[in-house]
Amino acid sequence: MDYQVTAKQTAPMQIEAQTRNFTMKIDEREEMRGDNEAPNPIEYQLASLAGCLNVVGTYIAQREQLDIRNKEFNVEAEIDPEGFKSNSNNIKPGLKEVTVKVDVQTTEEKPTVEEWLRKVEQQCPITDTLRSETSVEVGLTE
């Protein structure tokens, strides 16, 4: 399965991205010189993680006929903005840590739910991408 997104700058810290029939606006907080009109890239990444965990969790629960429903995700992350704002190689530009807490309604026993969540975490493409070294190539169009 392939994915594609196109994006165009609409303000100094803002873009409008298109994928399939959807448009997403991405902006930065005012303290980061944005207009605070939309989520920033990191917030979209964290929302993508929650969305992916939900999709994979639903798939696994259905496949294994588990009663797991009404999932809620609390996703938090920490980043040092100096990592991308400065020329220092000593500061990591990406996320330092991501923490996800999941709440579910279920009639399943706790060990069953814990095993379900382990499988969800292991099979989630966004979790895999965040944890592994994924090849990313950035270049100018010709």
C-alpha atoms as a PDB file:
ATOM      1  CA  MET A   1       0.000   0.000   0.000  1.00  0.00           C
ATOM      2  CA  ASP A   2       1.453   3.370  -0.998  1.00  0.00           C
ATOM      3  CA  TYR A   3       0.641   6.776   0.468  1.00  0.00           C
ATOM      4  CA  GLN A   4       1.113  10.268  -0.944  1.00  0.00           C
ATOM      5  CA  VAL A   5       0.683  13.755   0.475  1.00  0.00           C
ATOM      6  CA  THR A   6       1.236  17.041  -1.336  1.00  0.00           C
ATOM      7  CA  ALA A   7       1.629  20.285   0.589  1.00  0.00           C
ATOM      8  CA  LYS A   8       1.905  23.978  -0.189  1.00  0.00           C
ATOM      9  CA  GLN A   9       3.051  26.795   2.063  1.00  0.00           C
ATOM     10  CA  THR A  10       0.201  29.231   2.808  1.00  0.00           C
ATOM     11  CA  ALA A  11       1.949  31.416   5.432  1.00  0.00           C
ATOM     12  CA  PRO A  12       5.506  31.518   6.814  1.00  0.00           C
ATOM     13  CA  MET A  13       4.896  28.696   9.332  1.00  0.00           C
ATOM     14  CA  GLN A  14       1.808  27.182   7.721  1.00  0.00           C
ATOM     15  CA  ILE A  15       1.024  24.644   5.025  1.00  0.00           C
ATOM     16  CA  GLU A  16      -2.036  23.094   3.508  1.00  0.00           C
ATOM     17  CA  ALA A  17      -1.604  19.391   2.801  1.00  0.00           C
ATOM     18  CA  GLN A  18      -3.717  17.215   0.505  1.00  0.00           C
ATOM     19  CA  THR A  19      -4.163  13.465   0.633  1.00  0.00           C
ATOM     20  CA  ARG A  20      -6.904  11.538  -1.119  1.00  0.00           C
ATOM     21  CA  ASN A  21      -9.975  13.833  -0.771  1.00  0.00           C
ATOM     22  CA  PHE A  22      -8.805  15.482   2.450  1.00  0.00           C
ATOM     23  CA  THR A  23      -7.147  18.793   3.244  1.00  0.00           C
ATOM     24  CA  MET A  24      -5.116  19.322   6.400  1.00  0.00           C
ATOM     25  CA  LYS A  25      -3.862  22.631   7.670  1.00  0.00           C
ATOM     26  CA  ILE A  26      -0.627  22.620   9.656  1.00  0.00           C
ATOM     27  CA  ASP A  27       0.597  25.614  11.631  1.00  0.00           C
ATOM     28  CA  GLU A  28       2.742  26.441  14.637  1.00  0.00           C
ATOM     29  CA  ARG A  29       1.972  27.987  17.995  1.00  0.00           C
ATOM     30  CA  GLU A  30       2.401  31.748  18.286  1.00  0.00           C
ATOM     31  CA  GLU A  31       5.488  31.298  20.498  1.00  0.00           C
ATOM     32  CA  MET A  32       7.024  29.374  17.573  1.00  0.00           C
ATOM     33  CA  ARG A  33       6.183  32.291  15.208  1.00  0.00           C
ATOM     34  CA  GLY A  34       3.068  30.624  13.812  1.00  0.00           C
ATOM     35  CA  ASP A  35      -0.509  31.900  13.686  1.00  0.00           C
ATOM     36  CA  ASN A  36      -1.866  29.098  15.931  1.00  0.00           C
ATOM     37  CA  GLU A  37      -4.597  28.303  13.386  1.00  0.00           C
ATOM     38  CA  ALA A  38      -4.068  24.534  13.254  1.00  0.00           C
ATOM     39  CA  PRO A  39      -2.185  21.707  14.954  1.00  0.00           C
ATOM     40  CA  ASN A  40       1.569  21.677  14.462  1.00  0.00           C
ATOM     41  CA  PRO A  41       3.515  18.810  12.844  1.00  0.00           C
ATOM     42  CA  ILE A  42       4.313  17.131  16.177  1.00  0.00           C
ATOM     43  CA  GLU A  43       0.653  17.263  17.254  1.00  0.00           C
ATOM     44  CA  TYR A  44      -0.345  15.648  13.954  1.00  0.00           C
ATOM     45  CA  GLN A  45       2.294  12.975  14.511  1.00  0.00           C
ATOM     46  CA  LEU A  46       0.945  12.209  17.989  1.00  0.00           C
ATOM     47  CA  ALA A  47      -2.640  12.174  16.689  1.00  0.00           C
ATOM     48  CA  SER A  48      -1.477   9.819  13.915  1.00  0.00           C
ATOM     49  CA  LEU A  49      -0.022   7.509  16.541  1.00  0.00           C
ATOM     50  CA  ALA A  50      -3.329   7.453  18.453  1.00  0.00           C
ATOM     51  CA  GLY A  51      -5.249   6.885  15.228  1.00  0.00           C
ATOM     52  CA  CYS A  52      -2.983   4.048  14.175  1.00  0.00           C
ATOM     53  CA  LEU A  53      -3.159   2.369  17.595  1.00  0.00           C
ATOM     54  CA  ASN A  54      -6.952   2.611  17.386  1.00  0.00           C
ATOM     55  CA  VAL A  55      -7.131   1.060  13.896  1.00  0.00           C
ATOM     56  CA  VAL A  56      -4.703  -1.747  14.715  1.00  0.00           C
ATOM     57  CA  GLY A  57      -6.378  -2.291  18.097  1.00  0.00           C
ATOM     58  CA  THR A  58      -9.794  -2.603  16.484  1.00  0.00           C
ATOM     59  CA  TYR A  59      -8.433  -4.989  13.844  1.00  0.00           C
ATOM     60  CA  ILE A  60      -6.782  -7.248  16.432  1.00  0.00           C
ATOM     61  CA  ALA A  61      -9.800  -7.204  18.765  1.00  0.00           C
ATOM     62  CA  GLN A  62     -12.087  -8.201  15.892  1.00  0.00           C
ATOM     63  CA  ARG A  63      -9.682 -10.859  14.634  1.00  0.00           C
ATOM     64  CA  GLU A  64      -9.360 -12.395  18.096  1.00  0.00           C
ATOM     65  CA  GLN A  65     -13.031 -11.820  18.980  1.00  0.00           C
ATOM     66  CA  LEU A  66     -12.194  -9.705  22.032  1.00  0.00           C
ATOM     67  CA  ASP A  67     -14.642  -7.366  23.711  1.00  0.00           C
ATOM     68  CA  ILE A  68     -12.560  -4.189  23.602  1.00  0.00           C
ATOM     69  CA  ARG A  69     -14.390  -0.967  22.805  1.00  0.00           C
ATOM     70  CA  ASN A  70     -14.540   2.781  23.422  1.00  0.00           C
ATOM     71  CA  LYS A  71     -10.774   3.184  23.395  1.00  0.00           C
ATOM     72  CA  GLU A  72      -9.333   6.482  24.624  1.00  0.00           C
ATOM     73  CA  PHE A  73      -5.722   7.517  24.087  1.00  0.00           C
ATOM     74  CA  ASN A  74      -3.646  10.098  25.941  1.00  0.00           C
ATOM     75  CA  VAL A  75      -0.443  10.732  23.974  1.00  0.00           C
ATOM     76  CA  GLU A  76       2.317  12.967  25.313  1.00  0.00           C
ATOM     77  CA  ALA A  77       5.760  13.762  23.967  1.00  0.00           C
ATOM     78  CA  GLU A  78       8.747  15.904  24.768  1.00  0.00           C
ATOM     79  CA  ILE A  79      10.944  17.768  22.323  1.00  0.00           C
ATOM     80  CA  ASP A  80      13.694  20.340  22.733  1.00  0.00           C
ATOM     81  CA  PRO A  81      12.979  23.097  20.157  1.00  0.00           C
ATOM     82  CA  GLU A  82      16.658  24.082  20.210  1.00  0.00           C
ATOM     83  CA  GLY A  83      17.342  20.811  18.411  1.00  0.00           C
ATOM     84  CA  PHE A  84      15.849  22.139  15.174  1.00  0.00           C
ATOM     85  CA  LYS A  85      16.343  25.873  15.779  1.00  0.00           C
ATOM     86  CA  SER A  86      20.098  25.790  16.394  1.00  0.00           C
ATOM     87  CA  ASN A  87      23.079  24.399  14.525  1.00  0.00           C
ATOM     88  CA  SER A  88      24.081  22.244  17.483  1.00  0.00           C
ATOM     89  CA  ASN A  89      24.675  18.579  16.751  1.00  0.00           C
ATOM     90  CA  ASN A  90      24.454  17.920  20.493  1.00  0.00           C
ATOM     91  CA  ILE A  91      20.674  18.421  20.708  1.00  0.00           C
ATOM     92  CA  LYS A  92      18.334  15.850  19.175  1.00  0.00           C
ATOM     93  CA  PRO A  93      15.873  17.599  16.812  1.00  0.00           C
ATOM     94  CA  GLY A  94      13.197  14.935  17.185  1.00  0.00           C
ATOM     95  CA  LEU A  95      11.049  13.634  19.972  1.00  0.00           C
ATOM     96  CA  LYS A  96      12.879  12.601  23.129  1.00  0.00           C
ATOM     97  CA  GLU A  97      10.113  10.387  24.433  1.00  0.00           C
ATOM     98  CA  VAL A  98       6.522   9.472  23.626  1.00  0.00           C
ATOM     99  CA  THR A  99       4.134   8.118  26.256  1.00  0.00           C
ATOM    100  CA  VAL A 100       0.745   6.627  25.422  1.00  0.00           C
ATOM    101  CA  LYS A 101      -1.877   5.688  27.992  1.00  0.00           C
ATOM    102  CA  VAL A 102      -4.851   3.680  26.735  1.00  0.00           C
ATOM    103  CA  ASP A 103      -8.205   3.314  28.458  1.00  0.00           C
ATOM    104  CA  VAL A 104     -10.708   0.742  27.173  1.00  0.00           C
ATOM    105  CA  GLN A 105     -14.096  -0.596  28.086  1.00  0.00           C
ATOM    106  CA  THR A 106     -14.013  -4.363  28.187  1.00  0.00           C
ATOM    107  CA  THR A 107     -15.327  -7.513  29.802  1.00  0.00           C
ATOM    108  CA  GLU A 108     -11.988  -9.253  29.176  1.00  0.00           C
ATOM    109  CA  GLU A 109      -9.584 -10.184  31.974  1.00  0.00           C
ATOM    110  CA  LYS A 110      -6.655  -7.816  32.566  1.00  0.00           C
ATOM    111  CA  PRO A 111      -3.982 -10.268  31.247  1.00  0.00           C
ATOM    112  CA  THR A 112      -5.978 -10.636  28.010  1.00  0.00           C
ATOM    113  CA  VAL A 113      -6.180  -6.859  27.583  1.00  0.00           C
ATOM    114  CA  GLU A 114      -2.465  -6.478  28.343  1.00  0.00           C
ATOM    115  CA  GLU A 115      -1.615  -9.109  25.702  1.00  0.00           C
ATOM    116  CA  TRP A 116      -3.936  -7.366  23.226  1.00  0.00           C
ATOM    117  CA  LEU A 117      -2.164  -4.047  23.873  1.00  0.00           C
ATOM    118  CA  ARG A 118       1.269  -5.683  23.447  1.00  0.00           C
ATOM    119  CA  LYS A 119       0.191  -6.968  20.027  1.00  0.00           C
ATOM    120  CA  VAL A 120      -1.273  -3.563  19.092  1.00  0.00           C
ATOM    121  CA  GLU A 121       1.967  -1.808  20.004  1.00  0.00           C
ATOM    122  CA  GLN A 122       4.020  -4.377  18.094  1.00  0.00           C
ATOM    123  CA  GLN A 123       1.878  -4.247  14.916  1.00  0.00           C
ATOM    124  CA  CYS A 124       1.229  -0.472  14.728  1.00  0.00           C
ATOM    125  CA  PRO A 125       3.031   1.005  11.670  1.00  0.00           C
ATOM    126  CA  ILE A 126       3.403   4.432  13.309  1.00  0.00           C
ATOM    127  CA  THR A 127       4.923   2.925  16.466  1.00  0.00           C
ATOM    128  CA  ASP A 128       7.294   0.926  14.276  1.00  0.00           C
ATOM    129  CA  THR A 129       8.277   4.047  12.331  1.00  0.00           C
ATOM    130  CA  LEU A 130       8.910   6.069  15.490  1.00  0.00           C
ATOM    131  CA  ARG A 131      11.090   3.320  16.952  1.00  0.00           C
ATOM    132  CA  SER A 132      13.112   2.315  13.917  1.00  0.00           C
ATOM    133  CA  GLU A 133      15.426   3.996  11.517  1.00  0.00           C
ATOM    134  CA  THR A 134      13.241   4.623   8.488  1.00  0.00           C
ATOM    135  CA  SER A 135      14.896   5.798   5.305  1.00  0.00           C
ATOM    136  CA  VAL A 136      13.826   9.362   4.505  1.00  0.00           C
ATOM    137  CA  GLU A 137      15.149  11.155   1.434  1.00  0.00           C
ATOM    138  CA  VAL A 138      14.615  14.908   1.020  1.00  0.00           C
ATOM    139  CA  GLY A 139      15.649  16.621  -2.207  1.00  0.00           C
ATOM    140  CA  LEU A 140      14.742  19.318  -4.698  1.00  0.00           C
ATOM    141  CA  THR A 141      12.374  18.599  -7.558  1.00  0.00           C
ATOM    142  CA  GLU A 142      14.018  18.542 -10.953  1.00  0.00           C
END
